[in-house]
């Protein structure tokens, strides 16, 4: 029996998650500065403190940013707001 047949097969998946965030300014969708500001929000805990260096939100490979109101309406709880950020 070959060595490869003894190894267990690994299955890989892409997992995406949603965070509903808010800012105190209107941002232009698709702009680099907008993306940086919104990604910074999900790199903070709900108490406003930054997440740890190994947190998955700091090691993203790709992302998609959608307008909250057009995507899900106004009935979703906001995860993080720009006024909660503690540096």
PDB file of N, CA and C in Angstrom:
ATOM      1  N   UNK A   1       0.849  -1.184   0.000  1.00  0.00           N
ATOM      2  CA  UNK A   1       0.000   0.000   0.000  1.00  0.00           C
ATOM      3  C   UNK A   1       0.892   1.245   0.000  1.00  0.00           C
ATOM      4  N   UNK A   2       0.591   2.210  -0.836  1.00  0.00           N
ATOM      5  CA  UNK A   2       1.424   3.405  -0.927  1.00  0.00           C
ATOM      6  C   UNK A   2       1.189   4.333   0.259  1.00  0.00           C
ATOM      7  N   UNK A   3       2.165   5.187   0.481  1.00  0.00           N
ATOM      8  CA  UNK A   3       2.091   6.131   1.591  1.00  0.00           C
ATOM      9  C   UNK A   3       0.915   7.100   1.428  1.00  0.00           C
ATOM     10  N   UNK A   4       0.615   7.494   0.189  1.00  0.00           N
ATOM     11  CA  UNK A   4      -0.474   8.440  -0.063  1.00  0.00           C
ATOM     12  C   UNK A   4      -1.836   7.878   0.322  1.00  0.00           C
ATOM     13  N   UNK A   5      -2.043   6.602   0.148  1.00  0.00           N
ATOM     14  CA  UNK A   5      -3.351   6.034   0.467  1.00  0.00           C
ATOM     15  C   UNK A   5      -3.595   5.956   1.970  1.00  0.00           C
ATOM     16  N   UNK A   6      -2.543   6.044   2.772  1.00  0.00           N
ATOM     17  CA  UNK A   6      -2.688   6.005   4.230  1.00  0.00           C
ATOM     18  C   UNK A   6      -3.057   7.375   4.801  1.00  0.00           C
ATOM     19  N   UNK A   7      -2.725   8.430   4.059  1.00  0.00           N
ATOM     20  CA  UNK A   7      -3.023   9.778   4.533  1.00  0.00           C
ATOM     21  C   UNK A   7      -4.520  10.054   4.413  1.00  0.00           C
ATOM     22  N   UNK A   8      -5.051  10.773   5.394  1.00  0.00           N
ATOM     23  CA  UNK A   8      -6.469  11.120   5.307  1.00  0.00           C
ATOM     24  C   UNK A   8      -6.650  12.277   4.325  1.00  0.00           C
ATOM     25  N   UNK A   9      -7.733  12.242   3.607  1.00  0.00           N
ATOM     26  CA  UNK A   9      -8.019  13.284   2.626  1.00  0.00           C
ATOM     27  C   UNK A   9      -8.539  14.522   3.341  1.00  0.00           C
ATOM     28  N   UNK A  10      -8.081  15.690   2.910  1.00  0.00           N
ATOM     29  CA  UNK A  10      -8.512  16.959   3.489  1.00  0.00           C
ATOM     30  C   UNK A  10      -9.506  17.630   2.554  1.00  0.00           C
ATOM     31  N   UNK A  11     -10.530  18.202   3.111  1.00  0.00           N
ATOM     32  CA  UNK A  11     -11.545  18.924   2.342  1.00  0.00           C
ATOM     33  C   UNK A  11     -11.486  20.388   2.741  1.00  0.00           C
ATOM     34  N   UNK A  12     -11.485  21.274   1.780  1.00  0.00           N
ATOM     35  CA  UNK A  12     -11.369  22.705   2.056  1.00  0.00           C
ATOM     36  C   UNK A  12     -12.657  23.413   1.664  1.00  0.00           C
ATOM     37  N   UNK A  13     -12.988  24.434   2.432  1.00  0.00           N
ATOM     38  CA  UNK A  13     -14.211  25.203   2.201  1.00  0.00           C
ATOM     39  C   UNK A  13     -13.913  26.689   2.341  1.00  0.00           C
ATOM     40  N   UNK A  14     -14.660  27.486   1.642  1.00  0.00           N
ATOM     41  CA  UNK A  14     -14.609  28.935   1.798  1.00  0.00           C
ATOM     42  C   UNK A  14     -15.786  29.325   2.681  1.00  0.00           C
ATOM     43  N   UNK A  15     -15.503  30.003   3.783  1.00  0.00           N
ATOM     44  CA  UNK A  15     -16.547  30.435   4.710  1.00  0.00           C
ATOM     45  C   UNK A  15     -16.588  31.960   4.688  1.00  0.00           C
ATOM     46  N   UNK A  16     -17.752  32.503   4.440  1.00  0.00           N
ATOM     47  CA  UNK A  16     -17.913  33.955   4.494  1.00  0.00           C
ATOM     48  C   UNK A  16     -18.875  34.290   5.621  1.00  0.00           C
ATOM     49  N   UNK A  17     -18.672  35.435   6.220  1.00  0.00           N
ATOM     50  CA  UNK A  17     -19.533  35.874   7.323  1.00  0.00           C
ATOM     51  C   UNK A  17     -19.962  37.308   7.059  1.00  0.00           C
ATOM     52  N   UNK A  18     -20.982  37.733   7.778  1.00  0.00           N
ATOM     53  CA  UNK A  18     -21.497  39.094   7.645  1.00  0.00           C
ATOM     54  C   UNK A  18     -21.366  39.824   8.965  1.00  0.00           C
ATOM     55  N   UNK A  19     -20.955  41.059   8.886  1.00  0.00           N
ATOM     56  CA  UNK A  19     -21.003  41.949  10.031  1.00  0.00           C
ATOM     57  C   UNK A  19     -21.743  43.193   9.570  1.00  0.00           C
ATOM     58  N   UNK A  20     -22.668  43.642  10.358  1.00  0.00           N
ATOM     59  CA  UNK A  20     -23.394  44.875  10.059  1.00  0.00           C
ATOM     60  C   UNK A  20     -22.729  45.983  10.859  1.00  0.00           C
ATOM     61  N   UNK A  21     -22.182  46.961  10.168  1.00  0.00           N
ATOM     62  CA  UNK A  21     -21.459  48.049  10.819  1.00  0.00           C
ATOM     63  C   UNK A  21     -22.073  49.376  10.395  1.00  0.00           C
ATOM     64  N   UNK A  22     -21.774  50.420  11.167  1.00  0.00           N
ATOM     65  CA  UNK A  22     -22.260  51.750  10.809  1.00  0.00           C
ATOM     66  C   UNK A  22     -21.159  52.775  11.036  1.00  0.00           C
ATOM     67  N   UNK A  23     -21.236  53.868  10.298  1.00  0.00           N
ATOM     68  CA  UNK A  23     -20.274  54.956  10.438  1.00  0.00           C
ATOM     69  C   UNK A  23     -21.033  56.257  10.655  1.00  0.00           C
ATOM     70  N   UNK A  24     -20.287  57.264  11.054  1.00  0.00           N
ATOM     71  CA  UNK A  24     -20.900  58.574  11.253  1.00  0.00           C
ATOM     72  C   UNK A  24     -20.771  59.451  10.001  1.00  0.00           C
ATOM     73  N   UNK A  25     -20.357  58.844   8.899  1.00  0.00           N
ATOM     74  CA  UNK A  25     -20.241  59.567   7.632  1.00  0.00           C
ATOM     75  C   UNK A  25     -20.693  58.669   6.484  1.00  0.00           C
ATOM     76  N   UNK A  26     -21.173  59.283   5.429  1.00  0.00           N
ATOM     77  CA  UNK A  26     -21.564  58.511   4.252  1.00  0.00           C
ATOM     78  C   UNK A  26     -20.309  58.235   3.439  1.00  0.00           C
ATOM     79  N   UNK A  27     -20.108  56.974   3.077  1.00  0.00           N
ATOM     80  CA  UNK A  27     -18.909  56.572   2.358  1.00  0.00           C
ATOM     81  C   UNK A  27     -19.247  56.186   0.924  1.00  0.00           C
ATOM     82  N   UNK A  28     -18.274  56.317   0.033  1.00  0.00           N
ATOM     83  CA  UNK A  28     -18.452  55.979  -1.375  1.00  0.00           C
ATOM     84  C   UNK A  28     -18.132  54.501  -1.568  1.00  0.00           C
ATOM     85  N   UNK A  29     -19.123  53.722  -1.980  1.00  0.00           N
ATOM     86  CA  UNK A  29     -18.930  52.285  -2.179  1.00  0.00           C
ATOM     87  C   UNK A  29     -17.856  52.026  -3.223  1.00  0.00           C
ATOM     88  N   UNK A  30     -16.971  51.086  -2.921  1.00  0.00           N
ATOM     89  CA  UNK A  30     -15.925  50.696  -3.858  1.00  0.00           C
ATOM     90  C   UNK A  30     -14.646  51.504  -3.759  1.00  0.00           C
ATOM     91  N   UNK A  31     -14.661  52.597  -3.023  1.00  0.00           N
ATOM     92  CA  UNK A  31     -13.458  53.414  -2.873  1.00  0.00           C
ATOM     93  C   UNK A  31     -12.496  52.746  -1.897  1.00  0.00           C
ATOM     94  N   UNK A  32     -11.225  52.815  -2.174  1.00  0.00           N
ATOM     95  CA  UNK A  32     -10.200  52.182  -1.342  1.00  0.00           C
ATOM     96  C   UNK A  32     -10.257  52.691   0.102  1.00  0.00           C
ATOM     97  N   UNK A  33     -10.419  53.988   0.271  1.00  0.00           N
ATOM     98  CA  UNK A  33     -10.491  54.577   1.612  1.00  0.00           C
ATOM     99  C   UNK A  33     -11.715  54.054   2.371  1.00  0.00           C
ATOM    100  N   UNK A  34     -12.825  53.911   1.681  1.00  0.00           N
ATOM    101  CA  UNK A  34     -14.045  53.359   2.273  1.00  0.00           C
ATOM    102  C   UNK A  34     -13.808  51.938   2.753  1.00  0.00           C
ATOM    103  N   UNK A  35     -13.216  51.117   1.896  1.00  0.00           N
ATOM    104  CA  UNK A  35     -12.933  49.731   2.266  1.00  0.00           C
ATOM    105  C   UNK A  35     -12.072  49.665   3.518  1.00  0.00           C
ATOM    106  N   UNK A  36     -11.037  50.484   3.584  1.00  0.00           N
ATOM    107  CA  UNK A  36     -10.140  50.486   4.748  1.00  0.00           C
ATOM    108  C   UNK A  36     -10.905  50.848   6.019  1.00  0.00           C
ATOM    109  N   UNK A  37     -11.754  51.862   5.946  1.00  0.00           N
ATOM    110  CA  UNK A  37     -12.521  52.291   7.121  1.00  0.00           C
ATOM    111  C   UNK A  37     -13.476  51.197   7.592  1.00  0.00           C
ATOM    112  N   UNK A  38     -14.166  50.553   6.646  1.00  0.00           N
ATOM    113  CA  UNK A  38     -15.132  49.521   7.020  1.00  0.00           C
ATOM    114  C   UNK A  38     -14.445  48.252   7.512  1.00  0.00           C
ATOM    115  N   UNK A  39     -13.347  47.868   6.886  1.00  0.00           N
ATOM    116  CA  UNK A  39     -12.612  46.694   7.353  1.00  0.00           C
ATOM    117  C   UNK A  39     -12.012  46.944   8.731  1.00  0.00           C
ATOM    118  N   UNK A  40     -11.620  48.176   9.002  1.00  0.00           N
ATOM    119  CA  UNK A  40     -11.111  48.523  10.325  1.00  0.00           C
ATOM    120  C   UNK A  40     -12.178  48.303  11.399  1.00  0.00           C
ATOM    121  N   UNK A  41     -13.426  48.574  11.083  1.00  0.00           N
ATOM    122  CA  UNK A  41     -14.508  48.377  12.054  1.00  0.00           C
ATOM    123  C   UNK A  41     -14.637  46.919  12.485  1.00  0.00           C
ATOM    124  N   UNK A  42     -14.534  45.989  11.552  1.00  0.00           N
ATOM    125  CA  UNK A  42     -14.682  44.576  11.927  1.00  0.00           C
ATOM    126  C   UNK A  42     -13.419  44.020  12.571  1.00  0.00           C
ATOM    127  N   UNK A  43     -12.376  44.834  12.642  1.00  0.00           N
ATOM    128  CA  UNK A  43     -11.166  44.430  13.346  1.00  0.00           C
ATOM    129  C   UNK A  43     -11.168  44.962  14.774  1.00  0.00           C
ATOM    130  N   UNK A  44     -12.357  45.260  15.266  1.00  0.00           N
ATOM    131  CA  UNK A  44     -12.561  45.695  16.650  1.00  0.00           C
ATOM    132  C   UNK A  44     -13.657  44.848  17.282  1.00  0.00           C
ATOM    133  N   UNK A  45     -13.522  44.629  18.570  1.00  0.00           N
ATOM    134  CA  UNK A  45     -14.559  43.908  19.322  1.00  0.00           C
ATOM    135  C   UNK A  45     -15.749  44.839  19.540  1.00  0.00           C
ATOM    136  N   UNK A  46     -16.856  44.274  19.979  1.00  0.00           N
ATOM    137  CA  UNK A  46     -18.046  45.100  20.208  1.00  0.00           C
ATOM    138  C   UNK A  46     -17.848  46.097  21.344  1.00  0.00           C
ATOM    139  N   UNK A  47     -16.832  45.883  22.199  1.00  0.00           N
ATOM    140  CA  UNK A  47     -16.551  46.862  23.253  1.00  0.00           C
ATOM    141  C   UNK A  47     -15.658  47.994  22.747  1.00  0.00           C
ATOM    142  N   UNK A  48     -15.296  47.962  21.451  1.00  0.00           N
ATOM    143  CA  UNK A  48     -14.510  49.024  20.841  1.00  0.00           C
ATOM    144  C   UNK A  48     -13.015  48.799  20.833  1.00  0.00           C
ATOM    145  N   UNK A  49     -12.530  47.802  21.548  1.00  0.00           N
ATOM    146  CA  UNK A  49     -11.092  47.528  21.599  1.00  0.00           C
ATOM    147  C   UNK A  49     -10.669  46.732  20.364  1.00  0.00           C
ATOM    148  N   UNK A  50      -9.424  46.939  19.895  1.00  0.00           N
ATOM    149  CA  UNK A  50      -8.942  46.188  18.727  1.00  0.00           C
ATOM    150  C   UNK A  50      -8.892  44.685  19.006  1.00  0.00           C
ATOM    151  N   UNK A  51      -9.105  43.893  17.965  1.00  0.00           N
ATOM    152  CA  UNK A  51      -8.982  42.442  18.104  1.00  0.00           C
ATOM    153  C   UNK A  51      -7.503  42.075  18.182  1.00  0.00           C
ATOM    154  N   UNK A  52      -7.231  40.841  18.595  1.00  0.00           N
ATOM    155  CA  UNK A  52      -5.847  40.382  18.714  1.00  0.00           C
ATOM    156  C   UNK A  52      -5.216  40.211  17.328  1.00  0.00           C
ATOM    157  N   UNK A  53      -3.904  40.118  17.291  1.00  0.00           N
ATOM    158  CA  UNK A  53      -3.163  40.012  16.023  1.00  0.00           C
ATOM    159  C   UNK A  53      -3.495  38.744  15.246  1.00  0.00           C
ATOM    160  N   UNK A  54      -3.940  37.682  15.928  1.00  0.00           N
ATOM    161  CA  UNK A  54      -4.236  36.417  15.244  1.00  0.00           C
ATOM    162  C   UNK A  54      -5.722  36.256  14.898  1.00  0.00           C
ATOM    163  N   UNK A  55      -6.523  37.266  15.168  1.00  0.00           N
ATOM    164  CA  UNK A  55      -7.961  37.208  14.882  1.00  0.00           C
ATOM    165  C   UNK A  55      -8.209  37.028  13.383  1.00  0.00           C
ATOM    166  N   UNK A  56      -9.146  36.168  13.008  1.00  0.00           N
ATOM    167  CA  UNK A  56      -9.426  35.940  11.584  1.00  0.00           C
ATOM    168  C   UNK A  56      -9.790  37.202  10.796  1.00  0.00           C
ATOM    169  N   UNK A  57     -10.384  38.190  11.431  1.00  0.00           N
ATOM    170  CA  UNK A  57     -10.745  39.401  10.685  1.00  0.00           C
ATOM    171  C   UNK A  57      -9.518  40.210  10.282  1.00  0.00           C
ATOM    172  N   UNK A  58      -8.369  39.913  10.852  1.00  0.00           N
ATOM    173  CA  UNK A  58      -7.126  40.596  10.475  1.00  0.00           C
ATOM    174  C   UNK A  58      -6.390  39.869   9.353  1.00  0.00           C
ATOM    175  N   UNK A  59      -6.837  38.686   9.006  1.00  0.00           N
ATOM    176  CA  UNK A  59      -6.134  37.873   8.012  1.00  0.00           C
ATOM    177  C   UNK A  59      -7.072  37.463   6.882  1.00  0.00           C
ATOM    178  N   UNK A  60      -7.825  38.399   6.367  1.00  0.00           N
ATOM    179  CA  UNK A  60      -8.777  38.111   5.300  1.00  0.00           C
ATOM    180  C   UNK A  60      -8.047  38.050   3.958  1.00  0.00           C
ATOM    181  N   UNK A  61      -8.572  37.274   3.042  1.00  0.00           N
ATOM    182  CA  UNK A  61      -8.028  37.193   1.688  1.00  0.00           C
ATOM    183  C   UNK A  61      -8.861  37.998   0.713  1.00  0.00           C
ATOM    184  N   UNK A  62     -10.115  38.078   0.968  1.00  0.00           N
ATOM    185  CA  UNK A  62     -11.010  38.822   0.103  1.00  0.00           C
ATOM    186  C   UNK A  62     -12.184  39.316   0.923  1.00  0.00           C
ATOM    187  N   UNK A  63     -12.926  40.233   0.366  1.00  0.00           N
ATOM    188  CA  UNK A  63     -14.079  40.764   1.085  1.00  0.00           C
ATOM    189  C   UNK A  63     -15.048  41.371   0.088  1.00  0.00           C
ATOM    190  N   UNK A  64     -16.255  41.556   0.524  1.00  0.00           N
ATOM    191  CA  UNK A  64     -17.263  42.246  -0.261  1.00  0.00           C
ATOM    192  C   UNK A  64     -17.998  43.197   0.656  1.00  0.00           C
ATOM    193  N   UNK A  65     -18.173  44.413   0.233  1.00  0.00           N
ATOM    194  CA  UNK A  65     -18.858  45.411   1.049  1.00  0.00           C
ATOM    195  C   UNK A  65     -20.125  45.830   0.317  1.00  0.00           C
ATOM    196  N   UNK A  66     -21.254  45.662   0.980  1.00  0.00           N
ATOM    197  CA  UNK A  66     -22.552  45.988   0.390  1.00  0.00           C
ATOM    198  C   UNK A  66     -23.245  47.047   1.230  1.00  0.00           C
ATOM    199  N   UNK A  67     -24.052  47.862   0.606  1.00  0.00           N
ATOM    200  CA  UNK A  67     -24.835  48.848   1.345  1.00  0.00           C
ATOM    201  C   UNK A  67     -25.852  48.124   2.216  1.00  0.00           C
ATOM    202  N   UNK A  68     -25.822  48.384   3.478  1.00  0.00           N
ATOM    203  CA  UNK A  68     -26.658  47.730   4.485  1.00  0.00           C
ATOM    204  C   UNK A  68     -28.144  47.808   4.141  1.00  0.00           C
ATOM    205  N   UNK A  69     -28.627  48.979   3.815  1.00  0.00           N
ATOM    206  CA  UNK A  69     -30.066  49.175   3.591  1.00  0.00           C
ATOM    207  C   UNK A  69     -30.565  48.480   2.331  1.00  0.00           C
ATOM    208  N   UNK A  70     -29.776  48.505   1.280  1.00  0.00           N
ATOM    209  CA  UNK A  70     -30.189  47.850   0.045  1.00  0.00           C
ATOM    210  C   UNK A  70     -30.084  46.338   0.146  1.00  0.00           C
ATOM    211  N   UNK A  71     -29.186  45.857   0.993  1.00  0.00           N
ATOM    212  CA  UNK A  71     -28.947  44.422   1.080  1.00  0.00           C
ATOM    213  C   UNK A  71     -29.911  43.718   2.028  1.00  0.00           C
ATOM    214  N   UNK A  72     -30.100  44.238   3.237  1.00  0.00           N
ATOM    215  CA  UNK A  72     -30.904  43.534   4.240  1.00  0.00           C
ATOM    216  C   UNK A  72     -32.000  44.380   4.876  1.00  0.00           C
ATOM    217  N   UNK A  73     -32.125  45.626   4.523  1.00  0.00           N
ATOM    218  CA  UNK A  73     -33.132  46.458   5.163  1.00  0.00           C
ATOM    219  C   UNK A  73     -32.616  47.028   6.474  1.00  0.00           C
ATOM    220  N   UNK A  74     -33.500  47.573   7.262  1.00  0.00           N
ATOM    221  CA  UNK A  74     -33.101  48.245   8.501  1.00  0.00           C
ATOM    222  C   UNK A  74     -33.301  47.402   9.753  1.00  0.00           C
ATOM    223  N   UNK A  75     -33.561  46.122   9.623  1.00  0.00           N
ATOM    224  CA  UNK A  75     -33.935  45.332  10.798  1.00  0.00           C
ATOM    225  C   UNK A  75     -32.816  44.467  11.375  1.00  0.00           C
ATOM    226  N   UNK A  76     -31.570  44.640  10.952  1.00  0.00           N
ATOM    227  CA  UNK A  76     -30.474  43.834  11.480  1.00  0.00           C
ATOM    228  C   UNK A  76     -29.721  44.597  12.558  1.00  0.00           C
ATOM    229  N   UNK A  77     -29.314  43.882  13.599  1.00  0.00           N
ATOM    230  CA  UNK A  77     -28.555  44.488  14.687  1.00  0.00           C
ATOM    231  C   UNK A  77     -27.148  44.831  14.197  1.00  0.00           C
ATOM    232  N   UNK A  78     -26.675  46.021  14.533  1.00  0.00           N
ATOM    233  CA  UNK A  78     -25.353  46.483  14.125  1.00  0.00           C
ATOM    234  C   UNK A  78     -24.301  45.862  15.036  1.00  0.00           C
ATOM    235  N   UNK A  79     -23.241  45.279  14.433  1.00  0.00           N
ATOM    236  CA  UNK A  79     -22.147  44.661  15.190  1.00  0.00           C
ATOM    237  C   UNK A  79     -21.218  45.717  15.765  1.00  0.00           C
ATOM    238  N   UNK A  80     -20.814  46.673  14.946  1.00  0.00           N
ATOM    239  CA  UNK A  80     -19.850  47.670  15.381  1.00  0.00           C
ATOM    240  C   UNK A  80     -20.187  49.009  14.757  1.00  0.00           C
ATOM    241  N   UNK A  81     -19.951  50.058  15.524  1.00  0.00           N
ATOM    242  CA  UNK A  81     -20.186  51.415  15.060  1.00  0.00           C
ATOM    243  C   UNK A  81     -18.898  52.217  15.220  1.00  0.00           C
ATOM    244  N   UNK A  82     -18.654  53.146  14.338  1.00  0.00           N
ATOM    245  CA  UNK A  82     -17.424  53.939  14.402  1.00  0.00           C
ATOM    246  C   UNK A  82     -17.315  54.732  15.701  1.00  0.00           C
ATOM    247  N   UNK A  83     -18.418  55.056  16.329  1.00  0.00           N
ATOM    248  CA  UNK A  83     -18.347  55.813  17.585  1.00  0.00           C
ATOM    249  C   UNK A  83     -17.962  54.954  18.789  1.00  0.00           C
ATOM    250  N   UNK A  84     -17.829  53.647  18.622  1.00  0.00           N
ATOM    251  CA  UNK A  84     -17.420  52.755  19.713  1.00  0.00           C
ATOM    252  C   UNK A  84     -15.921  52.449  19.712  1.00  0.00           C
ATOM    253  N   UNK A  85     -15.205  52.850  18.674  1.00  0.00           N
ATOM    254  CA  UNK A  85     -13.792  52.506  18.526  1.00  0.00           C
ATOM    255  C   UNK A  85     -12.964  53.135  19.639  1.00  0.00           C
ATOM    256  N   UNK A  86     -12.158  52.305  20.293  1.00  0.00           N
ATOM    257  CA  UNK A  86     -11.228  52.746  21.335  1.00  0.00           C
ATOM    258  C   UNK A  86      -9.825  52.432  20.835  1.00  0.00           C
ATOM    259  N   UNK A  87      -8.982  53.431  20.736  1.00  0.00           N
ATOM    260  CA  UNK A  87      -7.597  53.185  20.285  1.00  0.00           C
ATOM    261  C   UNK A  87      -6.609  53.348  21.400  1.00  0.00           C
TER     262      UNK A  87
END
